[in-house]
PDB file of N, CA and C in Angstrom:
ATOM      1  N   MET A   1     146.234  28.732 -14.949  1.00  0.00           N
ATOM      2  CA  MET A   1     145.498  28.601 -16.136  1.00  0.00           C
ATOM      3  C   MET A   1     144.417  27.713 -15.993  1.00  0.00           C
ATOM      4  N   ALA A   2     144.650  26.340 -15.706  1.00  0.00           N
ATOM      5  CA  ALA A   2     144.079  25.118 -16.335  1.00  0.00           C
ATOM      6  C   ALA A   2     143.134  25.059 -14.921  1.00  0.00           C
ATOM      7  N   ASN A   3     143.222  25.256 -13.721  1.00  0.00           N
ATOM      8  CA  ASN A   3     142.610  25.589 -12.359  1.00  0.00           C
ATOM      9  C   ASN A   3     141.560  26.724 -12.518  1.00  0.00           C
ATOM     10  N   GLU A   4     142.207  27.482 -13.590  1.00  0.00           N
ATOM     11  CA  GLU A   4     141.172  28.426 -13.414  1.00  0.00           C
ATOM     12  C   GLU A   4     139.809  28.206 -14.675  1.00  0.00           C
ATOM     13  N   VAL A   5     139.937  27.456 -15.845  1.00  0.00           N
ATOM     14  CA  VAL A   5     139.515  26.930 -16.550  1.00  0.00           C
ATOM     15  C   VAL A   5     138.396  25.658 -16.012  1.00  0.00           C
ATOM     16  N   THR A   6     139.379  24.744 -15.263  1.00  0.00           N
ATOM     17  CA  THR A   6     138.312  24.093 -14.753  1.00  0.00           C
ATOM     18  C   THR A   6     137.437  24.549 -13.407  1.00  0.00           C
ATOM     19  N   LYS A   7     137.731  25.557 -12.930  1.00  0.00           N
ATOM     20  CA  LYS A   7     136.691  25.994 -11.910  1.00  0.00           C
ATOM     21  C   LYS A   7     135.329  26.594 -12.588  1.00  0.00           C
ATOM     22  N   LEU A   8     136.161  27.475 -13.738  1.00  0.00           N
ATOM     23  CA  LEU A   8     135.115  28.006 -14.542  1.00  0.00           C
ATOM     24  C   LEU A   8     133.820  27.175 -15.225  1.00  0.00           C
ATOM     25  N   VAL A   9     134.737  25.816 -15.404  1.00  0.00           N
ATOM     26  CA  VAL A   9     133.768  24.742 -16.229  1.00  0.00           C
ATOM     27  C   VAL A   9     132.600  24.185 -14.818  1.00  0.00           C
ATOM     28  N   MET A  10     133.237  24.004 -13.734  1.00  0.00           N
ATOM     29  CA  MET A  10     132.633  23.332 -13.070  1.00  0.00           C
ATOM     30  C   MET A  10     131.378  24.279 -12.562  1.00  0.00           C
ATOM     31  N   GLU A  11     131.615  25.743 -12.400  1.00  0.00           N
ATOM     32  CA  GLU A  11     130.755  26.711 -12.101  1.00  0.00           C
ATOM     33  C   GLU A  11     129.316  26.730 -12.699  1.00  0.00           C
ATOM     34  N   THR A  12     130.121  26.822 -14.112  1.00  0.00           N
ATOM     35  CA  THR A  12     128.890  26.542 -15.111  1.00  0.00           C
ATOM     36  C   THR A  12     128.241  25.292 -15.089  1.00  0.00           C
ATOM     37  N   ILE A  13     128.662  23.967 -14.960  1.00  0.00           N
ATOM     38  CA  ILE A  13     127.891  23.204 -14.873  1.00  0.00           C
ATOM     39  C   ILE A  13     126.820  23.059 -13.611  1.00  0.00           C
ATOM     40  N   LEU A  14     127.401  23.392 -12.714  1.00  0.00           N
ATOM     41  CA  LEU A  14     126.498  23.560 -11.477  1.00  0.00           C
ATOM     42  C   LEU A  14     125.527  24.551 -11.514  1.00  0.00           C
ATOM     43  N   GLY A  15     125.584  25.790 -12.503  1.00  0.00           N
ATOM     44  CA  GLY A  15     124.540  26.624 -12.655  1.00  0.00           C
ATOM     45  C   GLY A  15     123.442  25.953 -13.638  1.00  0.00           C
ATOM     46  N   LEU A  16     124.085  25.017 -14.645  1.00  0.00           N
ATOM     47  CA  LEU A  16     123.012  24.291 -15.432  1.00  0.00           C
ATOM     48  C   LEU A  16     122.384  23.166 -14.553  1.00  0.00           C
ATOM     49  N   ILE A  17     122.727  22.639 -13.687  1.00  0.00           N
ATOM     50  CA  ILE A  17     122.202  21.714 -12.806  1.00  0.00           C
ATOM     51  C   ILE A  17     120.961  22.275 -12.182  1.00  0.00           C
ATOM     52  N   THR A  18     121.477  23.627 -11.303  1.00  0.00           N
ATOM     53  CA  THR A  18     120.517  24.255 -10.725  1.00  0.00           C
ATOM     54  C   THR A  18     119.400  24.309 -11.188  1.00  0.00           C
ATOM     55  N   THR A  19     119.935  25.215 -12.516  1.00  0.00           N
ATOM     56  CA  THR A  19     118.822  25.812 -13.434  1.00  0.00           C
ATOM     57  C   THR A  19     117.603  24.345 -13.768  1.00  0.00           C
ATOM     58  N   ALA A  20     118.249  23.149 -14.109  1.00  0.00           N
ATOM     59  CA  ALA A  20     117.616  21.985 -14.543  1.00  0.00           C
ATOM     60  C   ALA A  20     116.411  21.722 -13.339  1.00  0.00           C
ATOM     61  N   PHE A  21     116.899  22.061 -12.081  1.00  0.00           N
ATOM     62  CA  PHE A  21     116.336  21.219 -11.064  1.00  0.00           C
ATOM     63  C   PHE A  21     115.189  22.365 -10.839  1.00  0.00           C
ATOM     64  N   ALA A  22     115.593  23.695 -10.751  1.00  0.00           N
ATOM     65  CA  ALA A  22     114.449  24.740 -10.816  1.00  0.00           C
ATOM     66  C   ALA A  22     113.775  24.540 -11.454  1.00  0.00           C
ATOM     67  N   PHE A  23     113.854  24.348 -12.876  1.00  0.00           N
ATOM     68  CA  PHE A  23     112.694  24.472 -13.765  1.00  0.00           C
ATOM     69  C   PHE A  23     112.046  22.964 -13.682  1.00  0.00           C
ATOM     70  N   VAL A  24     112.443  21.742 -13.341  1.00  0.00           N
ATOM     71  CA  VAL A  24     111.571  20.582 -12.805  1.00  0.00           C
ATOM     72  C   VAL A  24     110.665  21.241 -11.728  1.00  0.00           C
ATOM     73  N   ALA A  25     111.023  21.677 -10.702  1.00  0.00           N
ATOM     74  CA  ALA A  25     110.027  22.340  -9.533  1.00  0.00           C
ATOM     75  C   ALA A  25     109.364  23.169 -10.073  1.00  0.00           C
ATOM     76  N   GLY A  26     109.372  24.228 -10.995  1.00  0.00           N
ATOM     77  CA  GLY A  26     108.502  25.175 -11.737  1.00  0.00           C
ATOM     78  C   GLY A  26     107.322  24.779 -12.490  1.00  0.00           C
ATOM     79  N   LEU A  27     107.476  23.373 -13.067  1.00  0.00           N
ATOM     80  CA  LEU A  27     106.959  22.630 -13.587  1.00  0.00           C
ATOM     81  C   LEU A  27     105.798  21.605 -12.853  1.00  0.00           C
ATOM     82  N   ALA A  28     106.066  21.358 -11.649  1.00  0.00           N
ATOM     83  CA  ALA A  28     105.303  20.724 -10.470  1.00  0.00           C
ATOM     84  C   ALA A  28     104.432  21.524 -10.093  1.00  0.00           C
ATOM     85  N   TRP A  29     105.093  22.680  -9.801  1.00  0.00           N
ATOM     86  CA  TRP A  29     104.126  24.236  -9.347  1.00  0.00           C
ATOM     87  C   TRP A  29     103.118  24.397 -10.073  1.00  0.00           C
ATOM     88  N   ASN A  30     103.389  24.368 -11.540  1.00  0.00           N
ATOM     89  CA  ASN A  30     102.554  24.797 -12.298  1.00  0.00           C
ATOM     90  C   ASN A  30     101.508  23.976 -12.283  1.00  0.00           C
ATOM     91  N   ASP A  31     101.491  22.614 -12.497  1.00  0.00           N
ATOM     92  CA  ASP A  31     100.162  21.745 -12.779  1.00  0.00           C
ATOM     93  C   ASP A  31      99.689  21.965 -11.463  1.00  0.00           C
ATOM     94  N   ALA A  32     100.325  21.865 -10.012  1.00  0.00           N
ATOM     95  CA  ALA A  32      99.807  22.364  -9.015  1.00  0.00           C
ATOM     96  C   ALA A  32      98.528  23.515  -8.752  1.00  0.00           C
ATOM     97  N   ILE A  33      99.236  24.417  -9.103  1.00  0.00           N
ATOM     98  CA  ILE A  33      98.641  25.818  -9.053  1.00  0.00           C
ATOM     99  C   ILE A  33      97.578  25.663 -10.339  1.00  0.00           C
ATOM    100  N   GLN A  34      97.617  25.271 -11.342  1.00  0.00           N
ATOM    101  CA  GLN A  34      96.665  25.165 -12.102  1.00  0.00           C
ATOM    102  C   GLN A  34      95.638  24.238 -11.808  1.00  0.00           C
ATOM    103  N   LYS A  35      95.756  22.946 -11.595  1.00  0.00           N
ATOM    104  CA  LYS A  35      94.714  22.627 -10.660  1.00  0.00           C
ATOM    105  C   LYS A  35      94.077  23.284  -9.734  1.00  0.00           C
ATOM    106  N   LEU A  36      94.810  23.996  -8.779  1.00  0.00           N
ATOM    107  CA  LEU A  36      93.825  24.374  -7.469  1.00  0.00           C
ATOM    108  C   LEU A  36      93.023  25.741  -8.324  1.00  0.00           C
ATOM    109  N   ILE A  37      93.300  26.460  -8.969  1.00  0.00           N
ATOM    110  CA  ILE A  37      92.819  27.447  -9.782  1.00  0.00           C
ATOM    111  C   ILE A  37      91.318  26.946 -10.005  1.00  0.00           C
ATOM    112  N   ALA A  38      91.732  25.910 -11.011  1.00  0.00           N
ATOM    113  CA  ALA A  38      90.429  25.260 -11.666  1.00  0.00           C
ATOM    114  C   ALA A  38      89.241  24.686 -10.796  1.00  0.00           C
ATOM    115  N   THR A  39      89.867  24.332  -9.792  1.00  0.00           N
ATOM    116  CA  THR A  39      88.929  23.790  -8.272  1.00  0.00           C
ATOM    117  C   THR A  39      88.104  25.327  -7.904  1.00  0.00           C
ATOM    118  N   ILE A  40      88.737  26.201  -7.768  1.00  0.00           N
ATOM    119  CA  ILE A  40      88.402  27.411  -7.095  1.00  0.00           C
ATOM    120  C   ILE A  40      87.268  27.957  -8.182  1.00  0.00           C
ATOM    121  N   ILE A  41      87.985  28.213  -9.540  1.00  0.00           N
ATOM    122  CA  ILE A  41      87.294  29.218 -10.309  1.00  0.00           C
ATOM    123  C   ILE A  41      86.315  28.034 -11.190  1.00  0.00           C
ATOM    124  N   GLY A  42      86.813  27.150 -11.348  1.00  0.00           N
ATOM    125  CA  GLY A  42      86.072  26.172 -12.418  1.00  0.00           C
ATOM    126  C   GLY A  42      86.827  26.034 -13.798  1.00  0.00           C
ATOM    127  N   THR A  43      86.212  25.694 -14.666  1.00  0.00           N
ATOM    128  CA  THR A  43      86.835  25.298 -16.013  1.00  0.00           C
ATOM    129  C   THR A  43      85.852  25.644 -17.022  1.00  0.00           C
ATOM    130  N   GLY A  44      84.835  26.159 -16.614  1.00  0.00           N
ATOM    131  CA  GLY A  44      83.728  26.605 -17.329  1.00  0.00           C
ATOM    132  C   GLY A  44      84.486  27.258 -18.759  1.00  0.00           C
ATOM    133  N   ASP A  45      85.107  28.065 -18.358  1.00  0.00           N
ATOM    134  CA  ASP A  45      85.842  29.514 -19.719  1.00  0.00           C
ATOM    135  C   ASP A  45      87.348  29.261 -19.061  1.00  0.00           C
ATOM    136  N   ALA A  46      87.953  28.567 -20.123  1.00  0.00           N
ATOM    137  CA  ALA A  46      89.437  28.145 -19.542  1.00  0.00           C
ATOM    138  C   ALA A  46      89.969  29.628 -20.107  1.00  0.00           C
ATOM    139  N   LEU A  47      89.905  30.639 -20.910  1.00  0.00           N
ATOM    140  CA  LEU A  47      90.573  32.064 -21.138  1.00  0.00           C
ATOM    141  C   LEU A  47      90.849  32.652 -19.803  1.00  0.00           C
ATOM    142  N   PRO A  48      89.633  32.846 -18.579  1.00  0.00           N
ATOM    143  CA  PRO A  48      90.185  34.054 -18.035  1.00  0.00           C
ATOM    144  C   PRO A  48      90.688  33.338 -16.347  1.00  0.00           C
ATOM    145  N   SER A  49      90.458  31.795 -16.383  1.00  0.00           N
ATOM    146  CA  SER A  49      91.343  31.348 -15.444  1.00  0.00           C
ATOM    147  C   SER A  49      92.921  31.076 -15.598  1.00  0.00           C
ATOM    148  N   LEU A  50      93.131  31.378 -17.048  1.00  0.00           N
ATOM    149  CA  LEU A  50      94.561  31.258 -17.576  1.00  0.00           C
ATOM    150  C   LEU A  50      95.023  32.427 -17.579  1.00  0.00           C
ATOM    151  N   PHE A  51      94.335  33.456 -17.651  1.00  0.00           N
ATOM    152  CA  PHE A  51      94.774  34.923 -17.283  1.00  0.00           C
ATOM    153  C   PHE A  51      95.125  35.099 -15.680  1.00  0.00           C
ATOM    154  N   ILE A  52      94.166  34.589 -15.007  1.00  0.00           N
ATOM    155  CA  ILE A  52      94.344  34.618 -13.560  1.00  0.00           C
ATOM    156  C   ILE A  52      95.340  34.057 -12.693  1.00  0.00           C
ATOM    157  N   TYR A  53      95.513  32.632 -13.733  1.00  0.00           N
ATOM    158  CA  TYR A  53      96.991  31.967 -13.213  1.00  0.00           C
ATOM    159  C   TYR A  53      97.987  32.610 -13.522  1.00  0.00           C
ATOM    160  N   ALA A  54      98.381  33.585 -14.548  1.00  0.00           N
ATOM    161  CA  ALA A  54      99.290  33.712 -15.245  1.00  0.00           C
ATOM    162  C   ALA A  54      99.742  35.262 -14.363  1.00  0.00           C
ATOM    163  N   ILE A  55      98.684  35.859 -13.694  1.00  0.00           N
ATOM    164  CA  ILE A  55      98.766  37.032 -12.914  1.00  0.00           C
ATOM    165  C   ILE A  55      99.455  36.232 -11.706  1.00  0.00           C
ATOM    166  N   ILE A  56      98.804  35.518 -11.310  1.00  0.00           N
ATOM    167  CA  ILE A  56      99.119  34.759  -9.589  1.00  0.00           C
ATOM    168  C   ILE A  56     100.761  34.844  -9.734  1.00  0.00           C
ATOM    169  N   VAL A  57     100.886  33.719 -10.915  1.00  0.00           N
ATOM    170  CA  VAL A  57     102.386  33.220 -10.876  1.00  0.00           C
ATOM    171  C   VAL A  57     103.450  34.411 -11.124  1.00  0.00           C
ATOM    172  N   THR A  58     102.658  35.703 -12.142  1.00  0.00           N
ATOM    173  CA  THR A  58     103.785  36.404 -12.146  1.00  0.00           C
ATOM    174  C   THR A  58     104.077  37.822 -10.756  1.00  0.00           C
ATOM    175  N   ILE A  59     103.059  37.678  -9.960  1.00  0.00           N
ATOM    176  CA  ILE A  59     103.092  38.369  -9.021  1.00  0.00           C
ATOM    177  C   ILE A  59     103.880  37.983  -7.873  1.00  0.00           C
ATOM    178  N   VAL A  60     103.623  36.220  -7.925  1.00  0.00           N
ATOM    179  CA  VAL A  60     104.364  35.469  -6.796  1.00  0.00           C
ATOM    180  C   VAL A  60     106.190  35.507  -6.968  1.00  0.00           C
ATOM    181  N   ALA A  61     106.578  35.196  -8.634  1.00  0.00           N
ATOM    182  CA  ALA A  61     107.650  35.604  -9.073  1.00  0.00           C
ATOM    183  C   ALA A  61     108.080  36.557  -8.896  1.00  0.00           C
ATOM    184  N   VAL A  62     107.912  37.849  -9.079  1.00  0.00           N
ATOM    185  CA  VAL A  62     108.248  39.025  -8.654  1.00  0.00           C
ATOM    186  C   VAL A  62     108.665  39.416  -7.139  1.00  0.00           C
ATOM    187  N   VAL A  63     107.917  38.860  -6.337  1.00  0.00           N
ATOM    188  CA  VAL A  63     108.046  39.073  -4.737  1.00  0.00           C
ATOM    189  C   VAL A  63     108.995  37.851  -4.479  1.00  0.00           C
ATOM    190  N   VAL A  64     109.104  36.794  -4.946  1.00  0.00           N
ATOM    191  CA  VAL A  64     110.435  35.876  -4.251  1.00  0.00           C
ATOM    192  C   VAL A  64     111.634  36.273  -5.123  1.00  0.00           C
ATOM    193  N   THR A  65     111.711  37.160  -6.365  1.00  0.00           N
ATOM    194  CA  THR A  65     113.001  37.634  -6.984  1.00  0.00           C
ATOM    195  C   THR A  65     113.269  39.068  -5.952  1.00  0.00           C
ATOM    196  N   VAL A  66     112.527  39.600  -5.645  1.00  0.00           N
ATOM    197  CA  VAL A  66     112.798  40.752  -4.969  1.00  0.00           C
ATOM    198  C   VAL A  66     113.580  40.455  -3.174  1.00  0.00           C
ATOM    199  N   LEU A  67     112.710  39.377  -3.030  1.00  0.00           N
ATOM    200  CA  LEU A  67     112.988  38.977  -1.760  1.00  0.00           C
ATOM    201  C   LEU A  67     114.422  38.342  -1.294  1.00  0.00           C
ATOM    202  N   LEU A  68     114.811  37.672  -2.598  1.00  0.00           N
ATOM    203  CA  LEU A  68     115.777  36.522  -2.843  1.00  0.00           C
ATOM    204  C   LEU A  68     117.245  37.824  -3.302  1.00  0.00           C
ATOM    205  N   ALA A  69     116.618  38.865  -3.841  1.00  0.00           N
ATOM    206  CA  ALA A  69     117.665  39.777  -4.150  1.00  0.00           C
ATOM    207  C   ALA A  69     118.116  40.652  -2.927  1.00  0.00           C
ATOM    208  N   ARG A  70     116.983  40.926  -1.962  1.00  0.00           N
ATOM    209  CA  ARG A  70     117.690  41.485  -0.681  1.00  0.00           C
ATOM    210  C   ARG A  70     118.499  40.556   0.183  1.00  0.00           C
ATOM    211  N   VAL A  71     118.068  39.515   0.119  1.00  0.00           N
ATOM    212  CA  VAL A  71     118.967  38.154   0.775  1.00  0.00           C
ATOM    213  C   VAL A  71     120.268  38.362   0.495  1.00  0.00           C
ATOM    214  N   ALA A  72     120.635  38.279  -0.998  1.00  0.00           N
ATOM    215  CA  ALA A  72     121.506  38.136  -1.640  1.00  0.00           C
ATOM    216  C   ALA A  72     122.586  39.436  -1.240  1.00  0.00           C
ATOM    217  N   GLY A  73     122.009  40.796  -1.327  1.00  0.00           N
ATOM    218  CA  GLY A  73     122.334  42.069  -1.313  1.00  0.00           C
ATOM    219  C   GLY A  73     122.981  41.857   0.381  1.00  0.00           C
ATOM    220  N   LYS A  74     122.248  41.353   1.089  1.00  0.00           N
ATOM    221  CA  LYS A  74     122.713  41.064   2.753  1.00  0.00           C
ATOM    222  C   LYS A  74     123.907  40.608   2.937  1.00  0.00           C
ATOM    223  N   MET A  75     124.157  39.507   2.078  1.00  0.00           N
ATOM    224  CA  MET A  75     125.213  38.619   2.289  1.00  0.00           C
ATOM    225  C   MET A  75     126.355  39.351   1.237  1.00  0.00           C
ATOM    226  N   GLY A  76     125.984  40.021   0.525  1.00  0.00           N
ATOM    227  CA  GLY A  76     127.461  40.928   0.013  1.00  0.00           C
ATOM    228  C   GLY A  76     127.541  40.085  -1.681  1.00  0.00           C
ATOM    229  N   ILE A  77     126.538  39.427  -1.787  1.00  0.00           N
ATOM    230  CA  ILE A  77     126.336  38.760  -3.463  1.00  0.00           C
ATOM    231  C   ILE A  77     125.826  40.163  -4.299  1.00  0.00           C
ATOM    232  N   GLU A  78     126.728  40.172  -5.391  1.00  0.00           N
ATOM    233  CA  GLU A  78     126.269  40.798  -6.813  1.00  0.00           C
ATOM    234  C   GLU A  78     125.635  40.002  -7.247  1.00  0.00           C
ATOM    235  N   LEU A  79     124.107  40.442  -7.777  1.00  0.00           N
ATOM    236  CA  LEU A  79     123.712  39.922  -8.873  1.00  0.00           C
ATOM    237  C   LEU A  79     123.861  40.381  -9.962  1.00  0.00           C
ATOM    238  N   GLY A  80     123.832  39.521 -11.666  1.00  0.00           N
ATOM    239  CA  GLY A  80     124.193  39.946 -12.415  1.00  0.00           C
ATOM    240  C   GLY A  80     123.004  41.062 -12.767  1.00  0.00           C
ATOM    241  N   GLU A  81     123.381  42.377 -13.459  1.00  0.00           N
ATOM    242  CA  GLU A  81     121.899  43.248 -14.449  1.00  0.00           C
ATOM    243  C   GLU A  81     121.501  42.446 -15.189  1.00  0.00           C
TER     244      GLU A  81
END
């Protein structure tokens, strides 16, 4: 019983740490992509460039998620619904 609780606590902590690192990496990419779009499109009117940025990030997120799900499936890992 104690080993199961310890294992569950460790899995949760590792999940939280991994999520925190992913969040920090996401913030770094956020700034980089915003600067890239501002350089390419310009900053004359911020609203269109923000929508373009949001669309690009959404497309990238969907593609990466699908690819990771395929890899997980090939490895026999079940993802939560």
